[in-house]
PDB file of N, CA and C in Angstrom:
ATOM      1  N   ASN A   1       4.169   9.184  15.026  1.00  0.00           N
ATOM      2  CA  ASN A   1       4.097   7.423  15.042  1.00  0.00           C
ATOM      3  C   ASN A   1       4.270   7.056  13.258  1.00  0.00           C
ATOM      4  N   ALA A   2       5.346   7.614  12.919  1.00  0.00           N
ATOM      5  CA  ALA A   2       5.562   6.830  11.212  1.00  0.00           C
ATOM      6  C   ALA A   2       5.109   5.845  10.963  1.00  0.00           C
ATOM      7  N   GLN A   3       4.485   5.627  10.022  1.00  0.00           N
ATOM      8  CA  GLN A   3       4.208   3.731   9.763  1.00  0.00           C
ATOM      9  C   GLN A   3       4.978   3.340   8.481  1.00  0.00           C
ATOM     10  N   ALA A   4       5.594   1.941   8.425  1.00  0.00           N
ATOM     11  CA  ALA A   4       5.970   1.509   7.234  1.00  0.00           C
ATOM     12  C   ALA A   4       4.796   0.806   6.673  1.00  0.00           C
ATOM     13  N   LYS A   5       4.489   0.845   5.085  1.00  0.00           N
ATOM     14  CA  LYS A   5       3.806  -0.238   4.992  1.00  0.00           C
ATOM     15  C   LYS A   5       4.375  -1.136   3.612  1.00  0.00           C
ATOM     16  N   LEU A   6       3.891  -2.405   3.657  1.00  0.00           N
ATOM     17  CA  LEU A   6       3.879  -2.988   2.148  1.00  0.00           C
ATOM     18  C   LEU A   6       2.504  -3.271   1.669  1.00  0.00           C
ATOM     19  N   ILE A   7       2.639  -2.970   0.248  1.00  0.00           N
ATOM     20  CA  ILE A   7       1.236  -2.823  -0.253  1.00  0.00           C
ATOM     21  C   ILE A   7       1.230  -4.175  -1.336  1.00  0.00           C
ATOM     22  N   ARG A   8       0.088  -4.883  -1.345  1.00  0.00           N
ATOM     23  CA  ARG A   8       0.239  -5.866  -2.479  1.00  0.00           C
ATOM     24  C   ARG A   8      -1.072  -5.484  -2.855  1.00  0.00           C
ATOM     25  N   VAL A   9      -1.792  -5.876  -4.091  1.00  0.00           N
ATOM     26  CA  VAL A   9      -2.188  -5.980  -5.282  1.00  0.00           C
ATOM     27  C   VAL A   9      -3.327  -7.522  -5.204  1.00  0.00           C
ATOM     28  N   LEU A  10      -4.536  -7.696  -4.530  1.00  0.00           N
ATOM     29  CA  LEU A  10      -5.046  -8.886  -4.465  1.00  0.00           C
ATOM     30  C   LEU A  10      -6.189  -9.073  -6.002  1.00  0.00           C
ATOM     31  N   ALA A  11      -6.564  -8.231  -6.431  1.00  0.00           N
ATOM     32  CA  ALA A  11      -7.396  -8.571  -7.470  1.00  0.00           C
ATOM     33  C   ALA A  11      -7.408  -6.961  -8.414  1.00  0.00           C
ATOM     34  N   GLY A  12      -7.658  -6.958  -9.572  1.00  0.00           N
ATOM     35  CA  GLY A  12      -7.305  -5.516 -10.093  1.00  0.00           C
ATOM     36  C   GLY A  12      -5.661  -5.474 -10.567  1.00  0.00           C
ATOM     37  N   ALA A  13      -5.638  -3.596 -10.699  1.00  0.00           N
ATOM     38  CA  ALA A  13      -4.596  -3.168 -10.585  1.00  0.00           C
ATOM     39  C   ALA A  13      -4.660  -1.719 -10.101  1.00  0.00           C
ATOM     40  N   ILE A  14      -3.398  -1.244  -9.381  1.00  0.00           N
ATOM     41  CA  ILE A  14      -3.645   0.590  -9.276  1.00  0.00           C
ATOM     42  C   ILE A  14      -2.198   0.785  -9.855  1.00  0.00           C
ATOM     43  N   LEU A  15      -1.794   2.248  -9.898  1.00  0.00           N
ATOM     44  CA  LEU A  15      -0.524   2.657  -9.950  1.00  0.00           C
ATOM     45  C   LEU A  15      -0.733   3.194  -8.482  1.00  0.00           C
ATOM     46  N   ASP A  16       0.942   2.795  -8.076  1.00  0.00           N
ATOM     47  CA  ASP A  16       0.696   3.211  -6.380  1.00  0.00           C
ATOM     48  C   ASP A  16       1.894   4.015  -6.177  1.00  0.00           C
ATOM     49  N   VAL A  17       1.773   4.379  -5.145  1.00  0.00           N
ATOM     50  CA  VAL A  17       3.231   6.339  -5.463  1.00  0.00           C
ATOM     51  C   VAL A  17       3.312   6.274  -3.954  1.00  0.00           C
ATOM     52  N   ALA A  18       4.322   6.646  -3.670  1.00  0.00           N
ATOM     53  CA  ALA A  18       5.306   7.160  -2.697  1.00  0.00           C
ATOM     54  C   ALA A  18       5.596   8.250  -2.403  1.00  0.00           C
ATOM     55  N   VAL A  19       5.706   8.902  -2.241  1.00  0.00           N
ATOM     56  CA  VAL A  19       6.527  10.449  -2.004  1.00  0.00           C
ATOM     57  C   VAL A  19       7.161  10.663  -0.549  1.00  0.00           C
ATOM     58  N   ASP A  20       8.317  10.876  -0.844  1.00  0.00           N
ATOM     59  CA  ASP A  20       9.532  11.595   0.622  1.00  0.00           C
ATOM     60  C   ASP A  20       8.882  12.134   1.337  1.00  0.00           C
ATOM     61  N   LEU A  21       8.739  12.380   2.225  1.00  0.00           N
ATOM     62  CA  LEU A  21       8.499  13.734   3.329  1.00  0.00           C
ATOM     63  C   LEU A  21       9.816  14.031   4.107  1.00  0.00           C
ATOM     64  N   ARG A  22      10.442  13.012   4.248  1.00  0.00           N
ATOM     65  CA  ARG A  22      11.899  13.363   5.369  1.00  0.00           C
ATOM     66  C   ARG A  22      11.940  14.566   5.163  1.00  0.00           C
ATOM     67  N   SER A  23      12.273  15.413   5.895  1.00  0.00           N
ATOM     68  CA  SER A  23      12.422  16.749   5.249  1.00  0.00           C
ATOM     69  C   SER A  23      14.003  16.751   5.639  1.00  0.00           C
ATOM     70  N   ASP A  24      14.446  15.969   5.906  1.00  0.00           N
ATOM     71  CA  ASP A  24      16.479  15.697   5.849  1.00  0.00           C
ATOM     72  C   ASP A  24      16.787  14.722   4.732  1.00  0.00           C
ATOM     73  N   SER A  25      16.244  14.465   4.040  1.00  0.00           N
ATOM     74  CA  SER A  25      16.484  13.692   2.965  1.00  0.00           C
ATOM     75  C   SER A  25      16.833  14.341   1.591  1.00  0.00           C
ATOM     76  N   PRO A  26      17.373  13.879   0.866  1.00  0.00           N
ATOM     77  CA  PRO A  26      17.831  14.914  -0.372  1.00  0.00           C
ATOM     78  C   PRO A  26      16.973  14.141  -1.408  1.00  0.00           C
ATOM     79  N   SER A  27      15.696  13.476  -1.244  1.00  0.00           N
ATOM     80  CA  SER A  27      15.333  13.020  -2.314  1.00  0.00           C
ATOM     81  C   SER A  27      13.849  13.813  -1.783  1.00  0.00           C
ATOM     82  N   TYR A  28      13.799  14.484  -0.698  1.00  0.00           N
ATOM     83  CA  TYR A  28      12.615  15.620  -0.034  1.00  0.00           C
ATOM     84  C   TYR A  28      11.782  15.574  -1.564  1.00  0.00           C
ATOM     85  N   GLY A  29      10.456  15.437  -1.366  1.00  0.00           N
ATOM     86  CA  GLY A  29       9.452  16.123  -2.233  1.00  0.00           C
ATOM     87  C   GLY A  29       9.253  14.611  -3.363  1.00  0.00           C
ATOM     88  N   ARG A  30      10.520  13.991  -3.949  1.00  0.00           N
ATOM     89  CA  ARG A  30      10.285  13.065  -5.004  1.00  0.00           C
ATOM     90  C   ARG A  30       9.405  11.976  -4.757  1.00  0.00           C
ATOM     91  N   HIS A  31       9.165  11.668  -5.603  1.00  0.00           N
ATOM     92  CA  HIS A  31       8.320  10.081  -5.810  1.00  0.00           C
ATOM     93  C   HIS A  31       8.206   9.149  -6.324  1.00  0.00           C
ATOM     94  N   VAL A  32       8.292   8.178  -6.316  1.00  0.00           N
ATOM     95  CA  VAL A  32       7.862   6.885  -7.307  1.00  0.00           C
ATOM     96  C   VAL A  32       6.499   6.777  -7.232  1.00  0.00           C
ATOM     97  N   ALA A  33       6.311   5.608  -8.717  1.00  0.00           N
ATOM     98  CA  ALA A  33       5.356   5.250  -8.878  1.00  0.00           C
ATOM     99  C   ALA A  33       5.405   4.406  -9.667  1.00  0.00           C
ATOM    100  N   VAL A  34       4.650   3.185  -9.233  1.00  0.00           N
ATOM    101  CA  VAL A  34       4.624   2.169 -10.060  1.00  0.00           C
ATOM    102  C   VAL A  34       3.542   1.282 -10.138  1.00  0.00           C
ATOM    103  N   ARG A  35       3.600   0.625 -10.967  1.00  0.00           N
ATOM    104  CA  ARG A  35       2.155  -0.265 -11.511  1.00  0.00           C
ATOM    105  C   ARG A  35       1.880  -1.572 -10.822  1.00  0.00           C
ATOM    106  N   LEU A  36       1.274  -2.121  -9.846  1.00  0.00           N
ATOM    107  CA  LEU A  36       0.983  -3.015  -9.331  1.00  0.00           C
ATOM    108  C   LEU A  36      -0.463  -4.071  -9.807  1.00  0.00           C
ATOM    109  N   ASP A  37      -0.147  -5.476  -9.886  1.00  0.00           N
ATOM    110  CA  ASP A  37      -1.763  -6.154 -10.748  1.00  0.00           C
ATOM    111  C   ASP A  37      -1.819  -7.569  -9.850  1.00  0.00           C
ATOM    112  N   ALA A  38      -2.528  -7.352  -9.920  1.00  0.00           N
ATOM    113  CA  ALA A  38      -3.007  -8.845  -8.689  1.00  0.00           C
ATOM    114  C   ALA A  38      -1.520 -10.239  -9.372  1.00  0.00           C
ATOM    115  N   THR A  39      -1.588 -10.412 -10.499  1.00  0.00           N
ATOM    116  CA  THR A  39      -1.490 -10.915 -11.191  1.00  0.00           C
ATOM    117  C   THR A  39       0.163 -11.295 -11.342  1.00  0.00           C
ATOM    118  N   GLY A  40       0.825 -10.334 -11.167  1.00  0.00           N
ATOM    119  CA  GLY A  40       2.270  -9.973 -11.318  1.00  0.00           C
ATOM    120  C   GLY A  40       2.768 -10.629  -9.907  1.00  0.00           C
ATOM    121  N   GLY A  41       1.793 -10.333  -8.694  1.00  0.00           N
ATOM    122  CA  GLY A  41       2.079 -10.242  -7.473  1.00  0.00           C
ATOM    123  C   GLY A  41       3.369  -9.737  -6.903  1.00  0.00           C
ATOM    124  N   GLU A  42       4.067  -8.440  -7.488  1.00  0.00           N
ATOM    125  CA  GLU A  42       4.505  -7.575  -6.804  1.00  0.00           C
ATOM    126  C   GLU A  42       4.551  -7.149  -5.544  1.00  0.00           C
ATOM    127  N   GLN A  43       5.393  -6.345  -5.039  1.00  0.00           N
ATOM    128  CA  GLN A  43       4.836  -5.439  -3.953  1.00  0.00           C
ATOM    129  C   GLN A  43       5.806  -4.339  -4.016  1.00  0.00           C
ATOM    130  N   LEU A  44       5.040  -3.274  -3.236  1.00  0.00           N
ATOM    131  CA  LEU A  44       5.857  -1.844  -3.012  1.00  0.00           C
ATOM    132  C   LEU A  44       6.298  -2.064  -1.680  1.00  0.00           C
ATOM    133  N   PHE A  45       7.338  -1.853  -1.288  1.00  0.00           N
ATOM    134  CA  PHE A  45       7.267  -1.587   0.721  1.00  0.00           C
ATOM    135  C   PHE A  45       7.720   0.094   0.546  1.00  0.00           C
ATOM    136  N   VAL A  46       6.646   1.227   1.393  1.00  0.00           N
ATOM    137  CA  VAL A  46       6.749   2.155   1.792  1.00  0.00           C
ATOM    138  C   VAL A  46       7.121   2.583   3.103  1.00  0.00           C
ATOM    139  N   PRO A  47       8.030   3.028   2.958  1.00  0.00           N
ATOM    140  CA  PRO A  47       9.060   3.132   4.671  1.00  0.00           C
ATOM    141  C   PRO A  47       8.314   4.453   5.354  1.00  0.00           C
ATOM    142  N   ALA A  48       8.778   4.344   6.422  1.00  0.00           N
ATOM    143  CA  ALA A  48       8.418   5.117   6.855  1.00  0.00           C
ATOM    144  C   ALA A  48       9.001   6.700   6.610  1.00  0.00           C
ATOM    145  N   GLY A  49       7.970   7.829   6.646  1.00  0.00           N
ATOM    146  CA  GLY A  49       8.521   8.786   6.342  1.00  0.00           C
ATOM    147  C   GLY A  49       8.290   9.272   4.701  1.00  0.00           C
ATOM    148  N   PHE A  50       7.358   8.184   4.282  1.00  0.00           N
ATOM    149  CA  PHE A  50       6.787   8.522   3.161  1.00  0.00           C
ATOM    150  C   PHE A  50       5.232   8.728   3.066  1.00  0.00           C
ATOM    151  N   ALA A  51       4.956   9.502   2.417  1.00  0.00           N
ATOM    152  CA  ALA A  51       2.998   9.685   1.627  1.00  0.00           C
ATOM    153  C   ALA A  51       2.644   8.465   0.873  1.00  0.00           C
ATOM    154  N   HIS A  52       1.656   7.945   0.929  1.00  0.00           N
ATOM    155  CA  HIS A  52       1.658   6.961   0.456  1.00  0.00           C
ATOM    156  C   HIS A  52       0.062   6.827  -0.341  1.00  0.00           C
ATOM    157  N   GLY A  53      -0.083   7.012  -1.600  1.00  0.00           N
ATOM    158  CA  GLY A  53      -1.418   7.008  -2.359  1.00  0.00           C
ATOM    159  C   GLY A  53      -1.754   6.151  -3.427  1.00  0.00           C
ATOM    160  N   PHE A  54      -2.636   5.707  -3.641  1.00  0.00           N
ATOM    161  CA  PHE A  54      -2.532   4.984  -5.161  1.00  0.00           C
ATOM    162  C   PHE A  54      -4.033   5.187  -5.751  1.00  0.00           C
ATOM    163  N   CYS A  55      -3.816   4.851  -7.279  1.00  0.00           N
ATOM    164  CA  CYS A  55      -5.317   5.200  -8.071  1.00  0.00           C
ATOM    165  C   CYS A  55      -5.651   3.631  -8.660  1.00  0.00           C
ATOM    166  N   THR A  56      -7.001   3.170  -8.345  1.00  0.00           N
ATOM    167  CA  THR A  56      -7.118   1.832  -8.759  1.00  0.00           C
ATOM    168  C   THR A  56      -7.205   2.066 -10.924  1.00  0.00           C
ATOM    169  N   LEU A  57      -6.567   0.897 -11.319  1.00  0.00           N
ATOM    170  CA  LEU A  57      -6.394   1.080 -12.932  1.00  0.00           C
ATOM    171  C   LEU A  57      -7.734   0.058 -13.149  1.00  0.00           C
ATOM    172  N   GLU A  58      -8.796  -0.573 -12.518  1.00  0.00           N
ATOM    173  CA  GLU A  58      -9.313  -1.833 -12.587  1.00  0.00           C
ATOM    174  C   GLU A  58     -10.570  -2.165 -12.152  1.00  0.00           C
ATOM    175  N   PRO A  59     -11.406  -2.004 -12.579  1.00  0.00           N
ATOM    176  CA  PRO A  59     -13.032  -2.205 -11.536  1.00  0.00           C
ATOM    177  C   PRO A  59     -13.026  -3.374 -10.353  1.00  0.00           C
ATOM    178  N   ASP A  60     -13.405  -3.081  -9.445  1.00  0.00           N
ATOM    179  CA  ASP A  60     -13.382  -4.025  -8.488  1.00  0.00           C
ATOM    180  C   ASP A  60     -11.899  -4.798  -7.594  1.00  0.00           C
ATOM    181  N   THR A  61     -10.511  -3.496  -7.721  1.00  0.00           N
ATOM    182  CA  THR A  61      -9.591  -3.954  -7.181  1.00  0.00           C
ATOM    183  C   THR A  61      -9.294  -3.957  -5.864  1.00  0.00           C
ATOM    184  N   MET A  62      -8.458  -5.004  -5.123  1.00  0.00           N
ATOM    185  CA  MET A  62      -8.539  -5.148  -3.980  1.00  0.00           C
ATOM    186  C   MET A  62      -6.941  -5.014  -3.531  1.00  0.00           C
ATOM    187  N   VAL A  63      -6.819  -4.055  -2.488  1.00  0.00           N
ATOM    188  CA  VAL A  63      -5.310  -3.911  -2.102  1.00  0.00           C
ATOM    189  C   VAL A  63      -4.829  -4.541  -0.936  1.00  0.00           C
ATOM    190  N   ALA A  64      -4.590  -4.722  -0.458  1.00  0.00           N
ATOM    191  CA  ALA A  64      -3.713  -5.605   1.248  1.00  0.00           C
ATOM    192  C   ALA A  64      -2.102  -4.793   1.320  1.00  0.00           C
ATOM    193  N   TYR A  65      -2.765  -4.210   2.743  1.00  0.00           N
ATOM    194  CA  TYR A  65      -1.190  -3.773   3.316  1.00  0.00           C
ATOM    195  C   TYR A  65      -0.975  -4.368   4.470  1.00  0.00           C
ATOM    196  N   LYS A  66       0.633  -4.421   4.863  1.00  0.00           N
ATOM    197  CA  LYS A  66       1.447  -4.844   5.799  1.00  0.00           C
ATOM    198  C   LYS A  66       1.634  -3.760   6.398  1.00  0.00           C
ATOM    199  N   VAL A  67       1.596  -3.416   7.822  1.00  0.00           N
ATOM    200  CA  VAL A  67       1.761  -2.285   8.252  1.00  0.00           C
ATOM    201  C   VAL A  67       2.866  -2.567   9.393  1.00  0.00           C
ATOM    202  N   ASP A  68       3.830  -1.906  10.057  1.00  0.00           N
ATOM    203  CA  ASP A  68       4.696  -2.319  11.194  1.00  0.00           C
ATOM    204  C   ASP A  68       4.217  -1.186  12.309  1.00  0.00           C
ATOM    205  N   ALA A  69       3.071  -0.351  12.352  1.00  0.00           N
ATOM    206  CA  ALA A  69       2.620   0.361  13.583  1.00  0.00           C
ATOM    207  C   ALA A  69       1.027  -0.146  13.608  1.00  0.00           C
ATOM    208  N   TYR A  70       0.790   0.031  14.504  1.00  0.00           N
ATOM    209  CA  TYR A  70      -0.900   0.358  14.724  1.00  0.00           C
ATOM    210  C   TYR A  70      -1.246   2.526  14.204  1.00  0.00           C
ATOM    211  N   TYR A  71      -2.129   1.953  13.247  1.00  0.00           N
ATOM    212  CA  TYR A  71      -3.090   3.515  12.978  1.00  0.00           C
ATOM    213  C   TYR A  71      -3.113   4.231  13.997  1.00  0.00           C
ATOM    214  N   SER A  72      -2.364   5.352  14.126  1.00  0.00           N
ATOM    215  CA  SER A  72      -2.873   6.239  15.070  1.00  0.00           C
ATOM    216  C   SER A  72      -3.388   7.904  14.327  1.00  0.00           C
ATOM    217  N   PRO A  73      -5.028   7.811  14.548  1.00  0.00           N
ATOM    218  CA  PRO A  73      -5.420   9.036  13.742  1.00  0.00           C
ATOM    219  C   PRO A  73      -4.347  10.059  14.113  1.00  0.00           C
ATOM    220  N   ALA A  74      -3.733  10.780  15.236  1.00  0.00           N
ATOM    221  CA  ALA A  74      -3.570  11.517  16.026  1.00  0.00           C
ATOM    222  C   ALA A  74      -2.566  12.337  15.112  1.00  0.00           C
ATOM    223  N   ASP A  75      -1.599  11.207  14.541  1.00  0.00           N
ATOM    224  CA  ASP A  75       0.046  11.093  13.958  1.00  0.00           C
ATOM    225  C   ASP A  75      -0.788  11.104  12.302  1.00  0.00           C
ATOM    226  N   ASP A  76      -1.921  10.849  11.718  1.00  0.00           N
ATOM    227  CA  ASP A  76      -2.346  11.121  10.266  1.00  0.00           C
ATOM    228  C   ASP A  76      -1.729  12.675   9.592  1.00  0.00           C
ATOM    229  N   ARG A  77      -1.353  12.408   8.498  1.00  0.00           N
ATOM    230  CA  ARG A  77      -1.298  13.275   7.753  1.00  0.00           C
ATOM    231  C   ARG A  77      -1.582  12.728   6.139  1.00  0.00           C
ATOM    232  N   ASN A  78      -1.683  14.160   5.513  1.00  0.00           N
ATOM    233  CA  ASN A  78      -2.675  14.187   4.023  1.00  0.00           C
ATOM    234  C   ASN A  78      -1.614  14.902   3.594  1.00  0.00           C
ATOM    235  N   LEU A  79      -1.778  14.782   2.184  1.00  0.00           N
ATOM    236  CA  LEU A  79      -1.165  15.665   0.873  1.00  0.00           C
ATOM    237  C   LEU A  79      -2.136  15.531  -0.192  1.00  0.00           C
ATOM    238  N   ARG A  80      -2.172  16.441  -1.163  1.00  0.00           N
ATOM    239  CA  ARG A  80      -2.995  17.299  -1.908  1.00  0.00           C
ATOM    240  C   ARG A  80      -2.154  16.154  -3.043  1.00  0.00           C
ATOM    241  N   TRP A  81      -3.306  15.317  -3.854  1.00  0.00           N
ATOM    242  CA  TRP A  81      -3.240  14.488  -4.518  1.00  0.00           C
ATOM    243  C   TRP A  81      -1.916  14.599  -6.064  1.00  0.00           C
ATOM    244  N   ASN A  82      -2.865  15.888  -6.330  1.00  0.00           N
ATOM    245  CA  ASN A  82      -2.243  16.413  -7.985  1.00  0.00           C
ATOM    246  C   ASN A  82      -1.319  17.696  -7.670  1.00  0.00           C
ATOM    247  N   ASP A  83      -0.824  17.480  -6.242  1.00  0.00           N
ATOM    248  CA  ASP A  83       0.516  18.992  -5.780  1.00  0.00           C
ATOM    249  C   ASP A  83       1.237  18.818  -7.296  1.00  0.00           C
ATOM    250  N   PRO A  84       1.159  20.158  -7.735  1.00  0.00           N
ATOM    251  CA  PRO A  84       1.929  20.070  -9.179  1.00  0.00           C
ATOM    252  C   PRO A  84       3.460  20.384  -9.002  1.00  0.00           C
ATOM    253  N   ALA A  85       3.764  20.805  -7.633  1.00  0.00           N
ATOM    254  CA  ALA A  85       5.112  20.499  -7.335  1.00  0.00           C
ATOM    255  C   ALA A  85       6.091  19.311  -6.960  1.00  0.00           C
ATOM    256  N   ILE A  86       5.013  18.347  -6.936  1.00  0.00           N
ATOM    257  CA  ILE A  86       5.413  16.862  -6.835  1.00  0.00           C
ATOM    258  C   ILE A  86       5.531  16.129  -8.574  1.00  0.00           C
ATOM    259  N   GLY A  87       4.405  16.457  -9.364  1.00  0.00           N
ATOM    260  CA  GLY A  87       4.172  16.257 -10.515  1.00  0.00           C
ATOM    261  C   GLY A  87       4.048  14.928 -10.693  1.00  0.00           C
ATOM    262  N   ILE A  88       3.373  14.526  -9.745  1.00  0.00           N
ATOM    263  CA  ILE A  88       2.783  12.607 -10.234  1.00  0.00           C
ATOM    264  C   ILE A  88       1.789  12.523 -11.402  1.00  0.00           C
ATOM    265  N   ALA A  89       2.089  11.728 -12.402  1.00  0.00           N
ATOM    266  CA  ALA A  89       1.301  11.526 -13.427  1.00  0.00           C
ATOM    267  C   ALA A  89      -0.047  11.068 -12.963  1.00  0.00           C
ATOM    268  N   TRP A  90      -0.666  11.084 -12.788  1.00  0.00           N
ATOM    269  CA  TRP A  90      -1.856  10.544 -12.528  1.00  0.00           C
ATOM    270  C   TRP A  90      -2.724   9.837 -13.497  1.00  0.00           C
ATOM    271  N   PRO A  91      -3.149   8.423 -13.780  1.00  0.00           N
ATOM    272  CA  PRO A  91      -3.814   8.053 -15.325  1.00  0.00           C
ATOM    273  C   PRO A  91      -5.466   8.805 -15.239  1.00  0.00           C
ATOM    274  N   VAL A  92      -5.886   9.899 -14.206  1.00  0.00           N
ATOM    275  CA  VAL A  92      -6.853  10.733 -14.625  1.00  0.00           C
ATOM    276  C   VAL A  92      -6.903  11.671 -13.819  1.00  0.00           C
ATOM    277  N   ALA A  93      -8.346  12.118 -15.039  1.00  0.00           N
ATOM    278  CA  ALA A  93      -8.561  13.700 -15.194  1.00  0.00           C
ATOM    279  C   ALA A  93      -8.890  14.487 -13.385  1.00  0.00           C
ATOM    280  N   GLU A  94      -8.454  15.472 -13.390  1.00  0.00           N
ATOM    281  CA  GLU A  94      -9.017  15.943 -11.914  1.00  0.00           C
ATOM    282  C   GLU A  94     -10.322  15.854 -11.715  1.00  0.00           C
ATOM    283  N   ALA A  95     -11.230  16.007 -12.949  1.00  0.00           N
ATOM    284  CA  ALA A  95     -12.829  15.813 -12.717  1.00  0.00           C
ATOM    285  C   ALA A  95     -13.218  15.060 -12.689  1.00  0.00           C
ATOM    286  N   ASP A  96     -12.290  13.657 -13.228  1.00  0.00           N
ATOM    287  CA  ASP A  96     -12.819  12.411 -12.673  1.00  0.00           C
ATOM    288  C   ASP A  96     -12.126  11.522 -11.390  1.00  0.00           C
ATOM    289  N   ALA A  97     -11.334  12.445 -10.752  1.00  0.00           N
ATOM    290  CA  ALA A  97     -10.834  11.499  -9.903  1.00  0.00           C
ATOM    291  C   ALA A  97     -12.265  11.502  -8.619  1.00  0.00           C
ATOM    292  N   ILE A  98     -12.197  10.250  -7.453  1.00  0.00           N
ATOM    293  CA  ILE A  98     -13.082  10.066  -6.687  1.00  0.00           C
ATOM    294  C   ILE A  98     -12.238  10.387  -5.308  1.00  0.00           C
ATOM    295  N   LEU A  99     -12.382  11.390  -4.418  1.00  0.00           N
ATOM    296  CA  LEU A  99     -11.541  11.468  -3.583  1.00  0.00           C
ATOM    297  C   LEU A  99     -12.744  12.051  -2.297  1.00  0.00           C
ATOM    298  N   SER A 100     -12.139  11.638  -0.668  1.00  0.00           N
ATOM    299  CA  SER A 100     -12.588  11.470   0.032  1.00  0.00           C
ATOM    300  C   SER A 100     -12.907  13.251   0.393  1.00  0.00           C
ATOM    301  N   GLY A 101     -13.550  13.352   1.523  1.00  0.00           N
ATOM    302  CA  GLY A 101     -13.156  14.875   1.927  1.00  0.00           C
ATOM    303  C   GLY A 101     -11.737  15.137   2.746  1.00  0.00           C
ATOM    304  N   LYS A 102     -11.538  14.201   3.533  1.00  0.00           N
ATOM    305  CA  LYS A 102      -9.764  14.509   3.455  1.00  0.00           C
ATOM    306  C   LYS A 102      -8.967  14.588   2.131  1.00  0.00           C
ATOM    307  N   ASP A 103      -8.799  13.917   1.185  1.00  0.00           N
ATOM    308  CA  ASP A 103      -7.890  14.071   0.113  1.00  0.00           C
ATOM    309  C   ASP A 103      -8.226  15.590  -0.133  1.00  0.00           C
ATOM    310  N   LYS A 104      -9.932  16.108  -0.541  1.00  0.00           N
ATOM    311  CA  LYS A 104      -9.837  17.000  -1.380  1.00  0.00           C
ATOM    312  C   LYS A 104      -9.555  18.395  -0.696  1.00  0.00           C
ATOM    313  N   ALA A 105      -9.320  18.147   1.109  1.00  0.00           N
ATOM    314  CA  ALA A 105      -9.238  19.461   1.376  1.00  0.00           C
ATOM    315  C   ALA A 105      -7.375  19.332   1.791  1.00  0.00           C
ATOM    316  N   ALA A 106      -6.538  18.050   1.187  1.00  0.00           N
ATOM    317  CA  ALA A 106      -5.104  18.098   1.911  1.00  0.00           C
ATOM    318  C   ALA A 106      -4.655  19.389   1.012  1.00  0.00           C
ATOM    319  N   PRO A 107      -3.236  19.638   2.064  1.00  0.00           N
ATOM    320  CA  PRO A 107      -2.490  20.867   2.382  1.00  0.00           C
ATOM    321  C   PRO A 107      -1.203  20.356   0.544  1.00  0.00           C
ATOM    322  N   LEU A 108      -0.826  21.335   0.277  1.00  0.00           N
ATOM    323  CA  LEU A 108       0.213  21.263  -0.791  1.00  0.00           C
ATOM    324  C   LEU A 108       1.304  20.836  -0.166  1.00  0.00           C
ATOM    325  N   LEU A 109       2.492  20.333  -0.530  1.00  0.00           N
ATOM    326  CA  LEU A 109       3.348  19.886   0.020  1.00  0.00           C
ATOM    327  C   LEU A 109       4.065  21.470   0.970  1.00  0.00           C
ATOM    328  N   ALA A 110       4.346  22.118   0.139  1.00  0.00           N
ATOM    329  CA  ALA A 110       4.730  23.797   0.509  1.00  0.00           C
ATOM    330  C   ALA A 110       4.204  24.604   1.498  1.00  0.00           C
ATOM    331  N   ASP A 111       2.627  23.792   1.910  1.00  0.00           N
ATOM    332  CA  ASP A 111       1.950  24.278   2.832  1.00  0.00           C
ATOM    333  C   ASP A 111       1.942  22.747   4.064  1.00  0.00           C
ATOM    334  N   LEU A 112       2.490  21.980   3.802  1.00  0.00           N
ATOM    335  CA  LEU A 112       2.696  20.673   4.714  1.00  0.00           C
ATOM    336  C   LEU A 112       3.463  20.865   6.093  1.00  0.00           C
ATOM    337  N   GLY A 113       4.686  21.828   5.927  1.00  0.00           N
ATOM    338  CA  GLY A 113       5.252  21.989   7.205  1.00  0.00           C
ATOM    339  C   GLY A 113       6.475  20.573   7.393  1.00  0.00           C
ATOM    340  N   ARG A 114       7.237  20.616   8.464  1.00  0.00           N
ATOM    341  CA  ARG A 114       7.959  19.586   8.399  1.00  0.00           C
ATOM    342  C   ARG A 114       6.772  18.586   9.318  1.00  0.00           C
ATOM    343  N   VAL A 115       7.651  17.352   8.987  1.00  0.00           N
ATOM    344  CA  VAL A 115       6.311  16.134   9.135  1.00  0.00           C
ATOM    345  C   VAL A 115       7.490  14.775  10.096  1.00  0.00           C
ATOM    346  N   PHE A 116       8.595  14.831   9.053  1.00  0.00           N
ATOM    347  CA  PHE A 116       9.372  13.720   9.776  1.00  0.00           C
ATOM    348  C   PHE A 116      11.065  14.498   9.452  1.00  0.00           C
TER     349      PHE A 116
END
């Protein structure tokens, strides 16, 4: 149950990242990273088959999602945020990152297996 998302920042700013997890795609494992903030009004569309994550860049940041399908916990997948094979230039040191338990335990891309 892949889910497409439209991301917008309502307050503050984020570095928003999408990683292609479509196994048959020529851009598999590649990412795009874009800074979104509340003043610019830009949005990022994340197609189904992509992993999505972000890092807040300012205090009190608020992010809104529009999605094309209901969240399905059974279909939820996770990817290591700092996987060196993907090479995302996050603006935070690993020691300073605040992560959920799920994000801390996420697999590397090489260990993820076929997702889409």
